[in-house]
PDB file of all heavy atoms in Angstrom:
ATOM      1  N   ALA A   1     119.731 105.141 185.379  1.00  0.00           N
ATOM      2  CA  ALA A   1     120.025 106.575 185.363  1.00  0.00           C
ATOM      3  C   ALA A   1     121.507 106.753 184.993  1.00  0.00           C
ATOM      4  O   ALA A   1     122.342 105.987 185.389  1.00  0.00           O
ATOM      5  CB  ALA A   1     119.736 107.124 186.672  1.00  0.00           C
ATOM      6  N   PRO A   2     121.770 107.857 184.253  1.00  0.00           N
ATOM      7  CA  PRO A   2     123.130 108.205 183.923  1.00  0.00           C
ATOM      8  C   PRO A   2     123.917 108.484 185.204  1.00  0.00           C
ATOM      9  O   PRO A   2     123.467 108.914 186.064  1.00  0.00           O
ATOM     10  CB  PRO A   2     123.074 109.310 182.853  1.00  0.00           C
ATOM     11  CG  PRO A   2     121.640 109.922 183.176  1.00  0.00           C
ATOM     12  CD  PRO A   2     120.839 108.819 183.633  1.00  0.00           C
ATOM     13  N   ALA A   3     125.196 108.197 185.117  1.00  0.00           N
ATOM     14  CA  ALA A   3     126.126 108.660 186.201  1.00  0.00           C
ATOM     15  C   ALA A   3     126.195 110.228 186.305  1.00  0.00           C
ATOM     16  O   ALA A   3     126.005 110.888 185.308  1.00  0.00           O
ATOM     17  CB  ALA A   3     127.400 108.073 186.008  1.00  0.00           C
ATOM     18  N   PRO A   4     126.442 110.622 187.510  1.00  0.00           N
ATOM     19  CA  PRO A   4     126.690 112.057 187.640  1.00  0.00           C
ATOM     20  C   PRO A   4     127.874 112.546 186.839  1.00  0.00           C
ATOM     21  O   PRO A   4     128.883 111.731 186.634  1.00  0.00           O
ATOM     22  CB  PRO A   4     126.876 112.279 189.039  1.00  0.00           C
ATOM     23  CG  PRO A   4     127.039 111.077 189.642  1.00  0.00           C
ATOM     24  CD  PRO A   4     126.644 110.131 188.798  1.00  0.00           C
ATOM     25  N   ALA A   5     127.923 113.762 186.188  1.00  0.00           N
ATOM     26  CA  ALA A   5     129.056 114.324 185.427  1.00  0.00           C
ATOM     27  C   ALA A   5     130.319 114.207 186.275  1.00  0.00           C
ATOM     28  O   ALA A   5     130.331 114.584 187.461  1.00  0.00           O
ATOM     29  CB  ALA A   5     128.645 115.631 185.127  1.00  0.00           C
ATOM     30  N   THR A   6     131.353 113.815 185.599  1.00  0.00           N
ATOM     31  CA  THR A   6     132.697 113.598 186.383  1.00  0.00           C
ATOM     32  C   THR A   6     133.515 114.907 186.041  1.00  0.00           C
ATOM     33  O   THR A   6     134.450 115.009 186.785  1.00  0.00           O
ATOM     34  CB  THR A   6     133.429 112.413 185.704  1.00  0.00           C
ATOM     35  OG1 THR A   6     133.631 112.631 184.349  1.00  0.00           O
ATOM     36  CG2 THR A   6     132.630 111.113 185.973  1.00  0.00           C
ATOM     37  N   GLY A   7     133.116 115.710 184.982  1.00  0.00           N
ATOM     38  CA  GLY A   7     133.917 116.812 184.689  1.00  0.00           C
ATOM     39  C   GLY A   7     135.187 116.435 183.769  1.00  0.00           C
ATOM     40  O   GLY A   7     135.844 117.354 183.291  1.00  0.00           O
ATOM     41  N   LYS A   8     135.249 115.184 183.553  1.00  0.00           N
ATOM     42  CA  LYS A   8     136.410 114.729 182.645  1.00  0.00           C
ATOM     43  C   LYS A   8     135.974 114.749 181.246  1.00  0.00           C
ATOM     44  O   LYS A   8     134.814 114.507 180.893  1.00  0.00           O
ATOM     45  CB  LYS A   8     136.833 113.307 183.023  1.00  0.00           C
ATOM     46  CG  LYS A   8     137.482 113.237 184.457  1.00  0.00           C
ATOM     47  CD  LYS A   8     137.797 111.827 184.677  1.00  0.00           C
ATOM     48  CE  LYS A   8     138.446 111.807 186.067  1.00  0.00           C
ATOM     49  NZ  LYS A   8     138.872 110.475 186.465  1.00  0.00           N
ATOM     50  N   LYS A   9     136.956 115.226 180.367  1.00  0.00           N
ATOM     51  CA  LYS A   9     136.754 115.191 178.772  1.00  0.00           C
ATOM     52  C   LYS A   9     137.503 114.100 178.198  1.00  0.00           C
ATOM     53  O   LYS A   9     138.659 113.925 178.602  1.00  0.00           O
ATOM     54  CB  LYS A   9     136.995 116.561 178.269  1.00  0.00           C
ATOM     55  CG  LYS A   9     136.295 117.637 178.765  1.00  0.00           C
ATOM     56  CD  LYS A   9     136.673 119.033 178.232  1.00  0.00           C
ATOM     57  CE  LYS A   9     135.872 120.184 178.691  1.00  0.00           C
ATOM     58  NZ  LYS A   9     136.317 121.506 178.117  1.00  0.00           N
ATOM     59  N   VAL A  10     136.951 113.438 177.266  1.00  0.00           N
ATOM     60  CA  VAL A  10     137.544 112.386 176.580  1.00  0.00           C
ATOM     61  C   VAL A  10     137.453 112.566 174.985  1.00  0.00           C
ATOM     62  O   VAL A  10     136.303 112.860 174.585  1.00  0.00           O
ATOM     63  CB  VAL A  10     136.929 110.977 176.898  1.00  0.00           C
ATOM     64  CG1 VAL A  10     137.694 109.883 176.169  1.00  0.00           C
ATOM     65  CG2 VAL A  10     137.033 110.785 178.426  1.00  0.00           C
ATOM     66  N   ALA A  11     138.568 112.407 174.342  1.00  0.00           N
ATOM     67  CA  ALA A  11     138.510 112.485 172.898  1.00  0.00           C
ATOM     68  C   ALA A  11     138.584 111.155 172.271  1.00  0.00           C
ATOM     69  O   ALA A  11     139.495 110.335 172.659  1.00  0.00           O
ATOM     70  CB  ALA A  11     139.733 113.340 172.410  1.00  0.00           C
ATOM     71  N   ILE A  12     137.655 110.760 171.385  1.00  0.00           N
ATOM     72  CA  ILE A  12     137.771 109.553 170.796  1.00  0.00           C
ATOM     73  C   ILE A  12     138.247 109.684 169.360  1.00  0.00           C
ATOM     74  O   ILE A  12     137.578 110.520 168.479  1.00  0.00           O
ATOM     75  CB  ILE A  12     136.321 108.822 170.662  1.00  0.00           C
ATOM     76  CG1 ILE A  12     135.791 108.613 172.089  1.00  0.00           C
ATOM     77  CG2 ILE A  12     136.214 107.455 169.977  1.00  0.00           C
ATOM     78  CD1 ILE A  12     136.589 107.694 172.975  1.00  0.00           C
ATOM     79  N   VAL A  13     139.176 109.033 168.813  1.00  0.00           N
ATOM     80  CA  VAL A  13     139.694 109.151 167.400  1.00  0.00           C
ATOM     81  C   VAL A  13     139.102 107.967 166.629  1.00  0.00           C
ATOM     82  O   VAL A  13     139.527 106.888 166.830  1.00  0.00           O
ATOM     83  CB  VAL A  13     141.198 109.287 167.349  1.00  0.00           C
ATOM     84  CG1 VAL A  13     141.670 109.421 165.878  1.00  0.00           C
ATOM     85  CG2 VAL A  13     141.602 110.392 168.213  1.00  0.00           C
ATOM     86  N   GLY A  14     138.199 108.308 165.743  1.00  0.00           N
ATOM     87  CA  GLY A  14     137.536 107.317 164.898  1.00  0.00           C
ATOM     88  C   GLY A  14     136.153 106.993 165.323  1.00  0.00           C
ATOM     89  O   GLY A  14     135.858 106.576 166.491  1.00  0.00           O
ATOM     90  N   ALA A  15     135.164 107.135 164.338  1.00  0.00           N
ATOM     91  CA  ALA A  15     133.748 106.854 164.693  1.00  0.00           C
ATOM     92  C   ALA A  15     133.405 105.484 163.989  1.00  0.00           C
ATOM     93  O   ALA A  15     132.266 105.354 163.526  1.00  0.00           O
ATOM     94  CB  ALA A  15     132.912 107.986 164.235  1.00  0.00           C
ATOM     95  N   GLY A  16     134.297 104.411 164.215  1.00  0.00           N
ATOM     96  CA  GLY A  16     133.891 103.111 163.853  1.00  0.00           C
ATOM     97  C   GLY A  16     133.190 102.488 164.955  1.00  0.00           C
ATOM     98  O   GLY A  16     132.818 103.159 165.967  1.00  0.00           O
ATOM     99  N   PRO A  17     132.848 101.210 164.887  1.00  0.00           N
ATOM    100  CA  PRO A  17     132.119 100.458 165.829  1.00  0.00           C
ATOM    101  C   PRO A  17     132.710 100.480 167.244  1.00  0.00           C
ATOM    102  O   PRO A  17     132.034 100.774 168.197  1.00  0.00           O
ATOM    103  CB  PRO A  17     132.113  99.061 165.319  1.00  0.00           C
ATOM    104  CG  PRO A  17     132.275  99.074 163.897  1.00  0.00           C
ATOM    105  CD  PRO A  17     133.083 100.326 163.571  1.00  0.00           C
ATOM    106  N   ALA A  18     134.048 100.379 167.374  1.00  0.00           N
ATOM    107  CA  ALA A  18     134.694 100.432 168.674  1.00  0.00           C
ATOM    108  C   ALA A  18     134.641 101.880 169.207  1.00  0.00           C
ATOM    109  O   ALA A  18     134.258 101.990 170.406  1.00  0.00           O
ATOM    110  CB  ALA A  18     136.136  99.992 168.552  1.00  0.00           C
ATOM    111  N   GLY A  19     134.952 102.853 168.456  1.00  0.00           N
ATOM    112  CA  GLY A  19     134.854 104.302 168.911  1.00  0.00           C
ATOM    113  C   GLY A  19     133.547 104.655 169.470  1.00  0.00           C
ATOM    114  O   GLY A  19     133.424 105.270 170.397  1.00  0.00           O
ATOM    115  N   LEU A  20     132.479 104.335 168.579  1.00  0.00           N
ATOM    116  CA  LEU A  20     131.046 104.571 168.965  1.00  0.00           C
ATOM    117  C   LEU A  20     130.746 103.870 170.251  1.00  0.00           C
ATOM    118  O   LEU A  20     130.080 104.375 171.041  1.00  0.00           O
ATOM    119  CB  LEU A  20     130.171 104.351 167.772  1.00  0.00           C
ATOM    120  CG  LEU A  20     130.340 105.154 166.608  1.00  0.00           C
ATOM    121  CD1 LEU A  20     129.414 104.779 165.449  1.00  0.00           C
ATOM    122  CD2 LEU A  20     130.123 106.667 166.857  1.00  0.00           C
ATOM    123  N   THR A  21     131.073 102.613 170.295  1.00  0.00           N
ATOM    124  CA  THR A  21     130.788 101.825 171.571  1.00  0.00           C
ATOM    125  C   THR A  21     131.316 102.384 172.806  1.00  0.00           C
ATOM    126  O   THR A  21     130.635 102.576 173.775  1.00  0.00           O
ATOM    127  CB  THR A  21     131.177 100.334 171.361  1.00  0.00           C
ATOM    128  OG1 THR A  21     130.539  99.831 170.207  1.00  0.00           O
ATOM    129  CG2 THR A  21     130.885  99.479 172.592  1.00  0.00           C
ATOM    130  N   ILE A  22     132.645 102.745 172.798  1.00  0.00           N
ATOM    131  CA  ILE A  22     133.277 103.224 173.966  1.00  0.00           C
ATOM    132  C   ILE A  22     132.777 104.679 174.312  1.00  0.00           C
ATOM    133  O   ILE A  22     132.571 104.993 175.464  1.00  0.00           O
ATOM    134  CB  ILE A  22     134.815 103.203 173.936  1.00  0.00           C
ATOM    135  CG1 ILE A  22     135.444 103.536 175.310  1.00  0.00           C
ATOM    136  CG2 ILE A  22     135.355 104.143 172.899  1.00  0.00           C
ATOM    137  CD1 ILE A  22     135.053 102.455 176.343  1.00  0.00           C
ATOM    138  N   ALA A  23     132.505 105.465 173.297  1.00  0.00           N
ATOM    139  CA  ALA A  23     131.815 106.706 173.388  1.00  0.00           C
ATOM    140  C   ALA A  23     130.620 106.746 174.188  1.00  0.00           C
ATOM    141  O   ALA A  23     130.289 107.411 175.112  1.00  0.00           O
ATOM    142  CB  ALA A  23     131.823 107.496 172.192  1.00  0.00           C
ATOM    143  N   GLY A  24     129.680 105.754 173.803  1.00  0.00           N
ATOM    144  CA  GLY A  24     128.562 105.525 174.453  1.00  0.00           C
ATOM    145  C   GLY A  24     128.626 105.126 175.909  1.00  0.00           C
ATOM    146  O   GLY A  24     127.905 105.675 176.778  1.00  0.00           O
ATOM    147  N   ASP A  25     129.529 104.312 176.194  1.00  0.00           N
ATOM    148  CA  ASP A  25     129.863 103.785 177.476  1.00  0.00           C
ATOM    149  C   ASP A  25     130.333 104.967 178.403  1.00  0.00           C
ATOM    150  O   ASP A  25     129.942 105.170 179.547  1.00  0.00           O
ATOM    151  CB  ASP A  25     130.833 102.603 177.599  1.00  0.00           C
ATOM    152  CG  ASP A  25     130.156 101.362 177.056  1.00  0.00           C
ATOM    153  OD1 ASP A  25     128.896 101.253 176.997  1.00  0.00           O
ATOM    154  OD2 ASP A  25     131.016 100.426 176.820  1.00  0.00           O
ATOM    155  N   LEU A  26     131.245 105.715 177.826  1.00  0.00           N
ATOM    156  CA  LEU A  26     131.844 106.850 178.569  1.00  0.00           C
ATOM    157  C   LEU A  26     130.776 107.940 178.894  1.00  0.00           C
ATOM    158  O   LEU A  26     130.886 108.429 179.989  1.00  0.00           O
ATOM    159  CB  LEU A  26     133.037 107.492 177.758  1.00  0.00           C
ATOM    160  CG  LEU A  26     134.266 106.606 177.683  1.00  0.00           C
ATOM    161  CD1 LEU A  26     135.228 107.247 176.630  1.00  0.00           C
ATOM    162  CD2 LEU A  26     134.941 106.581 179.006  1.00  0.00           C
ATOM    163  N   VAL A  27     129.895 108.151 177.957  1.00  0.00           N
ATOM    164  CA  VAL A  27     128.818 109.165 178.313  1.00  0.00           C
ATOM    165  C   VAL A  27     127.963 108.615 179.410  1.00  0.00           C
ATOM    166  O   VAL A  27     127.556 109.359 180.331  1.00  0.00           O
ATOM    167  CB  VAL A  27     127.987 109.420 177.068  1.00  0.00           C
ATOM    168  CG1 VAL A  27     126.645 110.042 177.257  1.00  0.00           C
ATOM    169  CG2 VAL A  27     128.767 110.159 175.970  1.00  0.00           C
ATOM    170  N   LYS A  28     127.633 107.248 179.402  1.00  0.00           N
ATOM    171  CA  LYS A  28     126.824 106.718 180.487  1.00  0.00           C
ATOM    172  C   LYS A  28     127.623 106.842 181.845  1.00  0.00           C
ATOM    173  O   LYS A  28     126.981 106.909 182.898  1.00  0.00           O
ATOM    174  CB  LYS A  28     126.655 105.220 180.284  1.00  0.00           C
ATOM    175  CG  LYS A  28     125.573 104.891 179.183  1.00  0.00           C
ATOM    176  CD  LYS A  28     125.414 103.401 179.122  1.00  0.00           C
ATOM    177  CE  LYS A  28     125.113 103.033 177.684  1.00  0.00           C
ATOM    178  NZ  LYS A  28     125.054 101.514 177.595  1.00  0.00           N
TER     179      LYS A  28
END
């Protein structure tokens, strides 16, 4: 199950493999 919303916003600069990976983790 996804974690409850934290209310925090994160900006990822660059949609390469690393950016997409960490974005997916942060959403989880």
